[in-house]
């Protein structure tokens, strides 16, 4: 194994180093009716932080907004435009080093 391979971190390793100041309410609100009709479920694989998943028993979308990187990929990629996406309240959300 090369030295560079030893130093490579997975996306999960990198995400675990990010700090968040969580709000008590979600800034990501999916339209459950539109989500129920969506076959693609793009949000479940486009999000780099795995914020979205599907409840296997009910089929409903689960949103773990506390992990959101605020990149907006879900909002842009959603074929149904079903995600009401806003920035978290001031002082909440992801904390970047140089912000």
Protein backbone atom coordinates (compact mmCIF):
# COMPACT_ATOMS: atom_id res chain seq x y z
CA UNK A 1 0.00 0.00 0.00
CA UNK A 2 1.33 3.41 -0.92
CA UNK A 3 1.74 6.16 1.67
CA UNK A 4 -0.97 8.26 -0.04
CA UNK A 5 -3.49 5.41 0.31
CA UNK A 6 -2.90 5.28 4.07
CA UNK A 7 -3.66 8.98 4.45
CA UNK A 8 -6.86 8.98 2.40
CA UNK A 9 -9.97 9.44 4.47
CA UNK A 10 -13.43 8.27 3.56
CA UNK A 11 -16.25 10.77 3.21
CA UNK A 12 -17.65 9.47 6.51
CA UNK A 13 -14.33 10.14 8.26
CA UNK A 14 -14.28 13.67 6.88
CA UNK A 15 -17.91 14.35 7.78
CA UNK A 16 -17.28 13.26 11.37
CA UNK A 17 -14.89 16.22 11.82
CA UNK A 18 -17.50 18.87 10.95
CA UNK A 19 -19.07 20.82 13.79
CA UNK A 20 -22.73 21.71 13.93
CA UNK A 21 -24.84 23.99 16.06
CA UNK A 22 -28.19 22.26 15.71
CA UNK A 23 -31.46 24.09 15.67
CA UNK A 24 -34.42 22.37 17.29
CA UNK A 25 -36.47 22.54 14.07
CA UNK A 26 -35.60 21.39 10.58
CA UNK A 27 -34.73 23.84 7.83
CA UNK A 28 -35.40 21.05 5.32
CA UNK A 29 -39.08 20.29 4.84
CA UNK A 30 -40.00 17.75 2.18
CA UNK A 31 -43.49 17.72 0.69
CA UNK A 32 -44.52 14.23 1.77
CA UNK A 33 -47.23 13.95 -0.91
CA UNK A 34 -44.75 14.71 -3.69
CA UNK A 35 -42.11 12.46 -2.09
CA UNK A 36 -44.57 9.54 -1.96
CA UNK A 37 -45.03 9.82 -5.74
CA UNK A 38 -41.30 10.12 -6.45
CA UNK A 39 -39.73 7.01 -7.95
CA UNK A 40 -36.18 8.34 -8.23
CA UNK A 41 -35.64 9.29 -4.55
CA UNK A 42 -32.72 11.43 -5.73
CA UNK A 43 -32.31 13.07 -2.33
CA UNK A 44 -31.27 9.74 -0.79
CA UNK A 45 -28.15 9.48 -2.92
CA UNK A 46 -27.31 13.06 -4.00
CA UNK A 47 -26.73 14.35 -0.46
CA UNK A 48 -23.05 13.98 0.53
CA UNK A 49 -24.01 13.86 4.23
CA UNK A 50 -26.72 11.17 3.94
CA UNK A 51 -29.37 13.50 5.36
CA UNK A 52 -32.22 11.69 3.57
CA UNK A 53 -33.29 8.08 3.88
CA UNK A 54 -36.46 6.06 3.40
CA UNK A 55 -38.33 4.37 6.26
CA UNK A 56 -38.60 0.79 5.02
CA UNK A 57 -41.88 0.07 6.79
CA UNK A 58 -43.82 3.22 5.86
CA UNK A 59 -41.95 4.33 2.75
CA UNK A 60 -41.77 7.89 4.11
CA UNK A 61 -38.74 10.12 3.75
CA UNK A 62 -36.64 10.57 6.89
CA UNK A 63 -34.70 13.83 7.23
CA UNK A 64 -31.71 14.04 9.55
CA UNK A 65 -31.32 17.79 9.12
CA UNK A 66 -28.73 17.93 11.90
CA UNK A 67 -26.14 16.56 9.43
CA UNK A 68 -26.89 19.04 6.62
CA UNK A 69 -23.86 20.71 5.02
CA UNK A 70 -26.10 23.39 3.50
CA UNK A 71 -24.82 22.65 0.00
CA UNK A 72 -28.30 22.74 -1.57
CA UNK A 73 -27.73 19.64 -3.72
CA UNK A 74 -31.03 18.09 -2.61
CA UNK A 75 -33.02 21.18 -3.56
CA UNK A 76 -31.36 21.43 -6.97
CA UNK A 77 -31.54 17.71 -7.83
CA UNK A 78 -35.07 16.94 -6.62
CA UNK A 79 -37.10 16.10 -9.75
CA UNK A 80 -40.38 16.99 -7.98
CA UNK A 81 -39.08 20.23 -6.41
CA UNK A 82 -40.45 18.80 -3.18
CA UNK A 83 -37.92 20.16 -0.70
CA UNK A 84 -38.60 23.44 1.05
CA UNK A 85 -34.97 24.34 1.77
CA UNK A 86 -33.92 27.33 3.82
CA UNK A 87 -30.74 28.17 5.65
CA UNK A 88 -30.93 27.33 9.36
CA UNK A 89 -31.70 30.14 11.78
CA UNK A 90 -28.79 32.51 12.42
CA UNK A 91 -26.27 30.85 14.68
CA UNK A 92 -27.45 27.34 13.76
CA UNK A 93 -26.26 24.82 11.21
CA UNK A 94 -22.85 23.74 10.05
CA UNK A 95 -19.86 25.62 11.45
CA UNK A 96 -17.08 26.19 8.94
CA UNK A 97 -13.55 27.06 10.05
CA UNK A 98 -13.32 30.40 8.29
CA UNK A 99 -16.83 31.75 8.68
